[in-house]
Amino acid sequence: MLERIKRTASFIQNKVDFTPEIGIILGTGLGGLVDSIDIKVALDYTDIPDFPVSTVQGHHGRLIFGMLGGKRVVAMQGRFHHYEGYPTQEVVFPVRVMRMLGIKRLFVSNASGGINTSFRTGDLMVITDHINLLPNPLIGPNIEELGPRFPDMHNCYDKDMIALATKVSDDLGIKLQYGVYVGGTGPTFETQAEYRYFKAIGGDTAGMSTTPEVIAARHMGIPVFAVSVITNCGLSDEPGDHEDVQRQGAKAGVRMTQLFIEMINRL
């Protein structure tokens, strides 16, 4: 695995004369942030050796290098999911490659179903902690060059960046929610009983991504900031609909983009 990571990173470095400071992972319906990046180079996932390929509608499948908020960034326009058939070790492969490329911080976004009854569709929730119900991506032989065998997950979501988000949101007039994200396998939307279970164990919102990527990032010592866009209310009687998730994500993504840009500008 380490040789694959290095080989892929080396390929990208030969194609892109650009050392990113910040990595960004864009979730379902949230790819619009790319429009705000001053793009220097864009690579299709299909052109990158050993890179997974996204099969999900709403995930474009490009690695974008450019300037955002005055910083050098690399953005994943489209991520990978365990439900597509990828082991979680493959899901986090791009995060490990981004670390080899030089990123020092990771921004993550996702679309999720609200569990907390005070949340409304379109809310932005800053993730303060998570409950991972997906296979842990660190299962198997540990790669010592990436991190320790038993990484600590305290301060999994960087408290300083959360405090910065709060300050920025106050200045911009953007309402933020805060809470715990539950990462499940999908691809089915959760049953009502599952949502009640997630609520009982301390979840505020639920989705099908993010936790493996965050675990891999923290294994490598990368500070993480993450936002969930509440695209549907899980405890309602409304059926899950992927197209509506994309629509709601795109609408709320405008505010998320403003938040990310100003946070990156102030780092």
C-alpha atoms as a PDB file:
ATOM      1  CA  MET A   1       0.000   0.000   0.000  1.00  0.00           C
ATOM      2  CA  LEU A   2       2.770   2.479   0.901  1.00  0.00           C
ATOM      3  CA  GLU A   3       4.477   1.926  -2.444  1.00  0.00           C
ATOM      4  CA  ARG A   4       1.165   2.546  -4.260  1.00  0.00           C
ATOM      5  CA  ILE A   5       0.652   5.778  -2.318  1.00  0.00           C
ATOM      6  CA  LYS A   6       4.175   6.979  -3.139  1.00  0.00           C
ATOM      7  CA  ARG A   7       3.864   5.941  -6.789  1.00  0.00           C
ATOM      8  CA  THR A   8       0.606   7.843  -7.208  1.00  0.00           C
ATOM      9  CA  ALA A   9       1.941  10.914  -5.395  1.00  0.00           C
ATOM     10  CA  SER A  10       5.056  10.865  -7.572  1.00  0.00           C
ATOM     11  CA  PHE A  11       2.939  10.682 -10.748  1.00  0.00           C
ATOM     12  CA  ILE A  12       0.888  13.684  -9.634  1.00  0.00           C
ATOM     13  CA  GLN A  13       3.981  15.677  -8.662  1.00  0.00           C
ATOM     14  CA  ASN A  14       5.414  15.082 -12.130  1.00  0.00           C
ATOM     15  CA  LYS A  15       2.182  16.374 -13.673  1.00  0.00           C
ATOM     16  CA  VAL A  16       1.586  19.268 -11.296  1.00  0.00           C
ATOM     17  CA  ASP A  17       4.245  21.779 -10.240  1.00  0.00           C
ATOM     18  CA  PHE A  18       2.251  22.750  -7.171  1.00  0.00           C
ATOM     19  CA  THR A  19       2.567  21.935  -3.452  1.00  0.00           C
ATOM     20  CA  PRO A  20      -0.837  22.189  -1.737  1.00  0.00           C
ATOM     21  CA  GLU A  21      -1.167  23.397   1.849  1.00  0.00           C
ATOM     22  CA  ILE A  22      -4.794  22.381   2.343  1.00  0.00           C
ATOM     23  CA  GLY A  23      -6.833  19.394   1.185  1.00  0.00           C
ATOM     24  CA  ILE A  24     -10.584  19.614   0.601  1.00  0.00           C
ATOM     25  CA  ILE A  25     -13.052  16.747   0.133  1.00  0.00           C
ATOM     26  CA  LEU A  26     -16.373  17.736  -1.432  1.00  0.00           C
ATOM     27  CA  GLY A  27     -19.487  15.663  -0.739  1.00  0.00           C
ATOM     28  CA  THR A  28     -22.681  15.009  -2.679  1.00  0.00           C
ATOM     29  CA  GLY A  29     -24.029  18.184  -4.289  1.00  0.00           C
ATOM     30  CA  LEU A  30     -21.203  20.271  -2.826  1.00  0.00           C
ATOM     31  CA  GLY A  31     -18.845  20.377  -5.804  1.00  0.00           C
ATOM     32  CA  GLY A  32     -19.819  23.985  -6.512  1.00  0.00           C
ATOM     33  CA  LEU A  33     -16.976  25.192  -4.293  1.00  0.00           C
ATOM     34  CA  VAL A  34     -14.682  24.326  -7.207  1.00  0.00           C
ATOM     35  CA  ASP A  35     -16.104  27.338  -9.079  1.00  0.00           C
ATOM     36  CA  SER A  36     -14.409  29.570  -6.491  1.00  0.00           C
ATOM     37  CA  ILE A  37     -10.973  27.993  -6.951  1.00  0.00           C
ATOM     38  CA  ASP A  38      -8.447  29.684  -9.224  1.00  0.00           C
ATOM     39  CA  ILE A  39      -7.642  26.385 -10.942  1.00  0.00           C
ATOM     40  CA  LYS A  40      -4.065  25.734 -12.017  1.00  0.00           C
ATOM     41  CA  VAL A  41      -4.402  22.048 -12.933  1.00  0.00           C
ATOM     42  CA  ALA A  42      -7.279  19.527 -12.922  1.00  0.00           C
ATOM     43  CA  LEU A  43      -6.666  15.789 -13.187  1.00  0.00           C
ATOM     44  CA  ASP A  44      -9.420  13.259 -13.877  1.00  0.00           C
ATOM     45  CA  TYR A  45      -9.350  10.362 -11.442  1.00  0.00           C
ATOM     46  CA  THR A  46      -9.311   7.995 -14.409  1.00  0.00           C
ATOM     47  CA  ASP A  47      -5.954   9.466 -15.484  1.00  0.00           C
ATOM     48  CA  ILE A  48      -4.249   8.947 -12.113  1.00  0.00           C
ATOM     49  CA  PRO A  49      -2.577   5.535 -11.602  1.00  0.00           C
ATOM     50  CA  ASP A  50      -4.024   3.407  -8.761  1.00  0.00           C
ATOM     51  CA  PHE A  51      -6.661   6.062  -7.983  1.00  0.00           C
ATOM     52  CA  PRO A  52     -10.208   4.842  -7.290  1.00  0.00           C
ATOM     53  CA  VAL A  53     -13.007   6.114  -9.544  1.00  0.00           C
ATOM     54  CA  SER A  54     -16.243   7.599  -8.196  1.00  0.00           C
ATOM     55  CA  THR A  55     -19.419   5.937  -9.474  1.00  0.00           C
ATOM     56  CA  VAL A  56     -21.930   8.170  -7.698  1.00  0.00           C
ATOM     57  CA  GLN A  57     -24.168  10.720  -9.405  1.00  0.00           C
ATOM     58  CA  GLY A  58     -23.137  14.195  -8.248  1.00  0.00           C
ATOM     59  CA  HIS A  59     -19.464  13.269  -7.809  1.00  0.00           C
ATOM     60  CA  HIS A  60     -17.495  14.529 -10.822  1.00  0.00           C
ATOM     61  CA  GLY A  61     -14.241  12.671 -10.268  1.00  0.00           C
ATOM     62  CA  ARG A  62     -11.471  15.297 -10.547  1.00  0.00           C
ATOM     63  CA  LEU A  63      -8.499  16.322  -8.435  1.00  0.00           C
ATOM     64  CA  ILE A  64      -8.342  20.128  -8.559  1.00  0.00           C
ATOM     65  CA  PHE A  65      -5.178  22.124  -7.811  1.00  0.00           C
ATOM     66  CA  GLY A  66      -5.393  25.883  -7.384  1.00  0.00           C
ATOM     67  CA  MET A  67      -5.710  28.924  -5.131  1.00  0.00           C
ATOM     68  CA  LEU A  68      -8.549  29.486  -2.661  1.00  0.00           C
ATOM     69  CA  GLY A  69      -8.657  32.054   0.132  1.00  0.00           C
ATOM     70  CA  GLY A  70      -5.057  32.968  -0.653  1.00  0.00           C
ATOM     71  CA  LYS A  71      -3.817  29.417  -0.024  1.00  0.00           C
ATOM     72  CA  ARG A  72      -2.678  26.561  -2.251  1.00  0.00           C
ATOM     73  CA  VAL A  73      -5.339  23.843  -2.167  1.00  0.00           C
ATOM     74  CA  VAL A  74      -6.055  20.438  -3.644  1.00  0.00           C
ATOM     75  CA  ALA A  75      -9.750  19.574  -3.805  1.00  0.00           C
ATOM     76  CA  MET A  76     -11.388  16.222  -4.426  1.00  0.00           C
ATOM     77  CA  GLN A  77     -14.433  16.939  -6.589  1.00  0.00           C
ATOM     78  CA  GLY A  78     -16.070  13.629  -5.800  1.00  0.00           C
ATOM     79  CA  ARG A  79     -15.156  11.111  -3.128  1.00  0.00           C
ATOM     80  CA  PHE A  80     -15.306   7.332  -2.752  1.00  0.00           C
ATOM     81  CA  HIS A  81     -17.585   5.254  -0.581  1.00  0.00           C
ATOM     82  CA  HIS A  82     -17.530   1.819   0.977  1.00  0.00           C
ATOM     83  CA  TYR A  83     -20.969   1.138  -0.540  1.00  0.00           C
ATOM     84  CA  GLU A  84     -19.482   1.423  -4.050  1.00  0.00           C
ATOM     85  CA  GLY A  85     -17.594  -1.767  -3.276  1.00  0.00           C
ATOM     86  CA  TYR A  86     -14.334  -0.178  -2.138  1.00  0.00           C
ATOM     87  CA  PRO A  87     -12.685  -1.423   1.056  1.00  0.00           C
ATOM     88  CA  THR A  88     -12.234   1.511   3.426  1.00  0.00           C
ATOM     89  CA  GLN A  89      -8.463   1.250   2.861  1.00  0.00           C
ATOM     90  CA  GLU A  90      -9.181   2.278  -0.757  1.00  0.00           C
ATOM     91  CA  VAL A  91     -11.668   4.958   0.313  1.00  0.00           C
ATOM     92  CA  VAL A  92      -8.878   6.738   2.241  1.00  0.00           C
ATOM     93  CA  PHE A  93      -6.189   6.205  -0.410  1.00  0.00           C
ATOM     94  CA  PRO A  94      -6.583   9.776  -1.804  1.00  0.00           C
ATOM     95  CA  VAL A  95      -6.242  11.295   1.684  1.00  0.00           C
ATOM     96  CA  ARG A  96      -2.938   9.504   2.128  1.00  0.00           C
ATOM     97  CA  VAL A  97      -1.807  10.648  -1.307  1.00  0.00           C
ATOM     98  CA  MET A  98      -2.729  14.261  -0.442  1.00  0.00           C
ATOM     99  CA  ARG A  99      -0.582  13.978   2.688  1.00  0.00           C
ATOM    100  CA  MET A 100       2.343  12.840   0.527  1.00  0.00           C
ATOM    101  CA  LEU A 101       1.700  15.857  -1.711  1.00  0.00           C
ATOM    102  CA  GLY A 102       2.173  18.139   1.290  1.00  0.00           C
ATOM    103  CA  ILE A 103      -1.196  19.107   2.816  1.00  0.00           C
ATOM    104  CA  LYS A 104      -1.105  20.330   6.421  1.00  0.00           C
ATOM    105  CA  ARG A 105      -4.870  20.582   7.042  1.00  0.00           C
ATOM    106  CA  LEU A 106      -7.968  18.825   5.720  1.00  0.00           C
ATOM    107  CA  PHE A 107     -11.432  20.311   5.138  1.00  0.00           C
ATOM    108  CA  VAL A 108     -14.231  17.757   4.660  1.00  0.00           C
ATOM    109  CA  SER A 109     -17.867  18.161   3.651  1.00  0.00           C
ATOM    110  CA  ASN A 110     -20.777  15.780   3.293  1.00  0.00           C
ATOM    111  CA  ALA A 111     -24.530  15.616   2.826  1.00  0.00           C
ATOM    112  CA  SER A 112     -26.346  13.963   5.705  1.00  0.00           C
ATOM    113  CA  GLY A 113     -29.686  13.200   7.274  1.00  0.00           C
ATOM    114  CA  GLY A 114     -30.573  15.221  10.361  1.00  0.00           C
ATOM    115  CA  ILE A 115     -31.342  13.336  13.560  1.00  0.00           C
ATOM    116  CA  ASN A 116     -31.335  16.214  16.031  1.00  0.00           C
ATOM    117  CA  THR A 117     -34.895  17.523  16.000  1.00  0.00           C
ATOM    118  CA  SER A 118     -33.719  21.141  16.220  1.00  0.00           C
ATOM    119  CA  PHE A 119     -32.038  20.826  12.799  1.00  0.00           C
ATOM    120  CA  ARG A 120     -33.723  21.872   9.569  1.00  0.00           C
ATOM    121  CA  THR A 121     -33.050  20.982   5.945  1.00  0.00           C
ATOM    122  CA  GLY A 122     -30.295  23.236   4.623  1.00  0.00           C
ATOM    123  CA  ASP A 123     -28.546  23.723   7.976  1.00  0.00           C
ATOM    124  CA  LEU A 124     -24.755  23.541   8.169  1.00  0.00           C
ATOM    125  CA  MET A 125     -23.547  21.373  11.047  1.00  0.00           C
ATOM    126  CA  VAL A 126     -19.947  21.604  12.197  1.00  0.00           C
ATOM    127  CA  ILE A 127     -18.876  18.084  13.145  1.00  0.00           C
ATOM    128  CA  THR A 128     -17.500  18.071  16.687  1.00  0.00           C
ATOM    129  CA  ASP A 129     -17.122  14.284  16.965  1.00  0.00           C
ATOM    130  CA  HIS A 130     -18.207  11.118  15.208  1.00  0.00           C
ATOM    131  CA  ILE A 131     -19.419   7.565  15.688  1.00  0.00           C
ATOM    132  CA  ASN A 132     -17.888   5.282  13.082  1.00  0.00           C
ATOM    133  CA  LEU A 133     -20.014   2.294  12.027  1.00  0.00           C
ATOM    134  CA  LEU A 134     -17.924   1.571   8.926  1.00  0.00           C
ATOM    135  CA  PRO A 135     -14.958  -0.834   8.852  1.00  0.00           C
ATOM    136  CA  ASN A 136     -11.985   1.024  10.290  1.00  0.00           C
ATOM    137  CA  PRO A 137      -9.518   1.871   7.472  1.00  0.00           C
ATOM    138  CA  LEU A 138      -6.571   1.161   9.777  1.00  0.00           C
ATOM    139  CA  ILE A 139      -7.437  -2.533  10.117  1.00  0.00           C
ATOM    140  CA  GLY A 140      -4.557  -4.650   8.827  1.00  0.00           C
ATOM    141  CA  PRO A 141      -0.784  -4.127   8.994  1.00  0.00           C
ATOM    142  CA  ASN A 142       0.101  -0.659  10.257  1.00  0.00           C
ATOM    143  CA  ILE A 143       2.130   1.574   7.944  1.00  0.00           C
ATOM    144  CA  GLU A 144       4.555   3.115  10.439  1.00  0.00           C
ATOM    145  CA  GLU A 145       5.619   5.807   7.971  1.00  0.00           C
ATOM    146  CA  LEU A 146       2.051   7.126   8.035  1.00  0.00           C
ATOM    147  CA  GLY A 147       1.302   6.910  11.743  1.00  0.00           C
ATOM    148  CA  PRO A 148       1.195   4.834  14.951  1.00  0.00           C
ATOM    149  CA  ARG A 149      -0.513   1.473  15.404  1.00  0.00           C
ATOM    150  CA  PHE A 150      -2.995   2.898  17.937  1.00  0.00           C
ATOM    151  CA  PRO A 151      -3.695   6.552  17.037  1.00  0.00           C
ATOM    152  CA  ASP A 152      -5.555   8.677  19.553  1.00  0.00           C
ATOM    153  CA  MET A 153      -8.877  10.109  18.363  1.00  0.00           C
ATOM    154  CA  HIS A 154      -9.257  12.844  20.992  1.00  0.00           C
ATOM    155  CA  ASN A 155      -9.686  16.231  19.294  1.00  0.00           C
ATOM    156  CA  CYS A 156     -10.473  14.285  16.131  1.00  0.00           C
ATOM    157  CA  TYR A 157     -12.075  17.458  14.753  1.00  0.00           C
ATOM    158  CA  ASP A 158      -9.666  20.300  15.427  1.00  0.00           C
ATOM    159  CA  LYS A 159     -10.938  22.570  18.199  1.00  0.00           C
ATOM    160  CA  ASP A 160      -8.987  25.585  16.986  1.00  0.00           C
ATOM    161  CA  MET A 161     -10.530  25.322  13.519  1.00  0.00           C
ATOM    162  CA  ILE A 162     -13.989  24.869  15.053  1.00  0.00           C
ATOM    163  CA  ALA A 163     -13.428  28.067  17.062  1.00  0.00           C
ATOM    164  CA  LEU A 164     -12.318  29.837  13.881  1.00  0.00           C
ATOM    165  CA  ALA A 165     -15.478  28.613  12.092  1.00  0.00           C
ATOM    166  CA  THR A 166     -17.608  30.061  14.876  1.00  0.00           C
ATOM    167  CA  LYS A 167     -15.873  33.448  14.593  1.00  0.00           C
ATOM    168  CA  VAL A 168     -16.142  33.467  10.793  1.00  0.00           C
ATOM    169  CA  SER A 169     -19.810  32.442  10.847  1.00  0.00           C
ATOM    170  CA  ASP A 170     -20.598  35.255  13.288  1.00  0.00           C
ATOM    171  CA  ASP A 171     -18.825  37.774  11.050  1.00  0.00           C
ATOM    172  CA  LEU A 172     -20.567  36.530   7.890  1.00  0.00           C
ATOM    173  CA  GLY A 173     -23.988  36.015   9.457  1.00  0.00           C
ATOM    174  CA  ILE A 174     -24.012  32.282   8.685  1.00  0.00           C
ATOM    175  CA  LYS A 175     -25.936  30.106  11.133  1.00  0.00           C
ATOM    176  CA  LEU A 176     -24.072  26.989  12.268  1.00  0.00           C
ATOM    177  CA  GLN A 177     -25.235  23.926  14.115  1.00  0.00           C
ATOM    178  CA  TYR A 178     -22.814  21.658  15.999  1.00  0.00           C
ATOM    179  CA  GLY A 179     -22.995  17.950  16.612  1.00  0.00           C
ATOM    180  CA  VAL A 180     -21.955  14.331  16.238  1.00  0.00           C
ATOM    181  CA  TYR A 181     -21.891  12.622  12.853  1.00  0.00           C
ATOM    182  CA  VAL A 182     -22.725   8.920  12.520  1.00  0.00           C
ATOM    183  CA  GLY A 183     -20.960   7.244   9.598  1.00  0.00           C
ATOM    184  CA  GLY A 184     -22.763   4.158   8.262  1.00  0.00           C
ATOM    185  CA  THR A 185     -22.276   1.902   5.272  1.00  0.00           C
ATOM    186  CA  GLY A 186     -25.247   2.801   3.044  1.00  0.00           C
ATOM    187  CA  PRO A 187     -26.247   2.719   0.262  1.00  0.00           C
ATOM    188  CA  THR A 188     -29.774   2.448   1.679  1.00  0.00           C
ATOM    189  CA  PHE A 189     -31.122   5.495   3.435  1.00  0.00           C
ATOM    190  CA  GLU A 190     -31.600   4.639   7.084  1.00  0.00           C
ATOM    191  CA  THR A 191     -34.785   3.124   8.470  1.00  0.00           C
ATOM    192  CA  GLN A 192     -36.737   5.014  11.103  1.00  0.00           C
ATOM    193  CA  ALA A 193     -35.560   2.495  13.694  1.00  0.00           C
ATOM    194  CA  GLU A 194     -31.950   3.047  12.672  1.00  0.00           C
ATOM    195  CA  TYR A 195     -32.342   6.808  12.996  1.00  0.00           C
ATOM    196  CA  ARG A 196     -33.839   6.318  16.483  1.00  0.00           C
ATOM    197  CA  TYR A 197     -30.884   4.079  17.341  1.00  0.00           C
ATOM    198  CA  PHE A 198     -28.391   6.673  16.074  1.00  0.00           C
ATOM    199  CA  LYS A 199     -30.136   9.309  18.189  1.00  0.00           C
ATOM    200  CA  ALA A 200     -30.021   7.047  21.243  1.00  0.00           C
ATOM    201  CA  ILE A 201     -26.266   6.503  20.926  1.00  0.00           C
ATOM    202  CA  GLY A 202     -25.573  10.235  20.633  1.00  0.00           C
ATOM    203  CA  GLY A 203     -25.776  11.069  16.938  1.00  0.00           C
ATOM    204  CA  ASP A 204     -27.041  14.366  15.572  1.00  0.00           C
ATOM    205  CA  THR A 205     -26.796  13.508  11.872  1.00  0.00           C
ATOM    206  CA  ALA A 206     -26.026  10.430   9.767  1.00  0.00           C
ATOM    207  CA  GLY A 207     -24.349   9.775   6.444  1.00  0.00           C
ATOM    208  CA  MET A 208     -22.375   7.264   4.392  1.00  0.00           C
ATOM    209  CA  SER A 209     -18.876   8.767   4.307  1.00  0.00           C
ATOM    210  CA  THR A 210     -16.345  10.970   6.117  1.00  0.00           C
ATOM    211  CA  THR A 211     -15.394   8.887   9.160  1.00  0.00           C
ATOM    212  CA  PRO A 212     -12.834   6.672   7.346  1.00  0.00           C
ATOM    213  CA  GLU A 213     -11.188   9.722   5.740  1.00  0.00           C
ATOM    214  CA  VAL A 214     -11.007  11.536   9.073  1.00  0.00           C
ATOM    215  CA  ILE A 215      -9.546   8.486  10.815  1.00  0.00           C
ATOM    216  CA  ALA A 216      -6.853   8.199   8.129  1.00  0.00           C
ATOM    217  CA  ALA A 217      -6.080  11.925   8.360  1.00  0.00           C
ATOM    218  CA  ARG A 218      -5.745  11.833  12.138  1.00  0.00           C
ATOM    219  CA  HIS A 219      -3.575   8.692  11.864  1.00  0.00           C
ATOM    220  CA  MET A 220      -1.190  10.895   9.834  1.00  0.00           C
ATOM    221  CA  GLY A 221      -1.465  13.839  12.235  1.00  0.00           C
ATOM    222  CA  ILE A 222      -3.480  16.098   9.913  1.00  0.00           C
ATOM    223  CA  PRO A 223      -5.863  18.538  11.674  1.00  0.00           C
ATOM    224  CA  VAL A 224      -9.424  18.160  10.329  1.00  0.00           C
ATOM    225  CA  PHE A 225     -12.398  20.492   9.998  1.00  0.00           C
ATOM    226  CA  ALA A 226     -15.664  19.019   8.723  1.00  0.00           C
ATOM    227  CA  VAL A 227     -19.163  20.221   7.894  1.00  0.00           C
ATOM    228  CA  SER A 228     -22.351  18.261   7.288  1.00  0.00           C
ATOM    229  CA  VAL A 229     -25.043  19.831   5.138  1.00  0.00           C
ATOM    230  CA  ILE A 230     -28.408  18.653   6.456  1.00  0.00           C
ATOM    231  CA  THR A 231     -30.149  17.645   3.232  1.00  0.00           C
ATOM    232  CA  ASN A 232     -33.067  15.762   4.749  1.00  0.00           C
ATOM    233  CA  CYS A 233     -34.585  15.159   8.183  1.00  0.00           C
ATOM    234  CA  GLY A 234     -34.147  11.501   8.968  1.00  0.00           C
ATOM    235  CA  LEU A 235     -36.849  11.208  11.592  1.00  0.00           C
ATOM    236  CA  SER A 236     -39.566  12.582   9.291  1.00  0.00           C
ATOM    237  CA  ASP A 237     -41.897  10.383   7.247  1.00  0.00           C
ATOM    238  CA  GLU A 238     -40.483  11.707   3.955  1.00  0.00           C
ATOM    239  CA  PRO A 239     -38.735   9.022   1.861  1.00  0.00           C
ATOM    240  CA  GLY A 240     -35.018   9.398   1.056  1.00  0.00           C
ATOM    241  CA  ASP A 241     -34.275  10.796  -2.417  1.00  0.00           C
ATOM    242  CA  HIS A 242     -30.745  11.161  -3.843  1.00  0.00           C
ATOM    243  CA  GLU A 243     -31.727  13.853  -6.352  1.00  0.00           C
ATOM    244  CA  ASP A 244     -33.212  15.966  -3.574  1.00  0.00           C
ATOM    245  CA  VAL A 245     -30.056  15.462  -1.509  1.00  0.00           C
ATOM    246  CA  GLN A 246     -28.066  16.913  -4.421  1.00  0.00           C
ATOM    247  CA  ARG A 247     -30.446  19.865  -4.781  1.00  0.00           C
ATOM    248  CA  GLN A 248     -30.387  20.690  -1.070  1.00  0.00           C
ATOM    249  CA  GLY A 249     -26.617  20.257  -0.978  1.00  0.00           C
ATOM    250  CA  ALA A 250     -26.117  22.686  -3.859  1.00  0.00           C
ATOM    251  CA  LYS A 251     -28.290  25.341  -2.166  1.00  0.00           C
ATOM    252  CA  ALA A 252     -26.566  25.093   1.211  1.00  0.00           C
ATOM    253  CA  GLY A 253     -23.198  24.689  -0.501  1.00  0.00           C
ATOM    254  CA  VAL A 254     -23.150  28.427  -1.249  1.00  0.00           C
ATOM    255  CA  ARG A 255     -22.925  29.205   2.478  1.00  0.00           C
ATOM    256  CA  MET A 256     -20.473  26.368   3.051  1.00  0.00           C
ATOM    257  CA  THR A 257     -18.246  27.780   0.299  1.00  0.00           C
ATOM    258  CA  GLN A 258     -18.293  31.224   1.955  1.00  0.00           C
ATOM    259  CA  LEU A 259     -17.385  29.632   5.290  1.00  0.00           C
ATOM    260  CA  PHE A 260     -14.526  27.558   3.875  1.00  0.00           C
ATOM    261  CA  ILE A 261     -13.030  30.422   1.852  1.00  0.00           C
ATOM    262  CA  GLU A 262     -12.968  32.849   4.760  1.00  0.00           C
ATOM    263  CA  MET A 263     -11.635  30.229   7.183  1.00  0.00           C
ATOM    264  CA  ILE A 264      -8.847  29.332   4.765  1.00  0.00           C
ATOM    265  CA  ASN A 265      -8.115  33.028   4.261  1.00  0.00           C
ATOM    266  CA  ARG A 266      -7.681  33.514   8.017  1.00  0.00           C
ATOM    267  CA  LEU A 267      -5.545  30.438   8.709  1.00  0.00           C
END
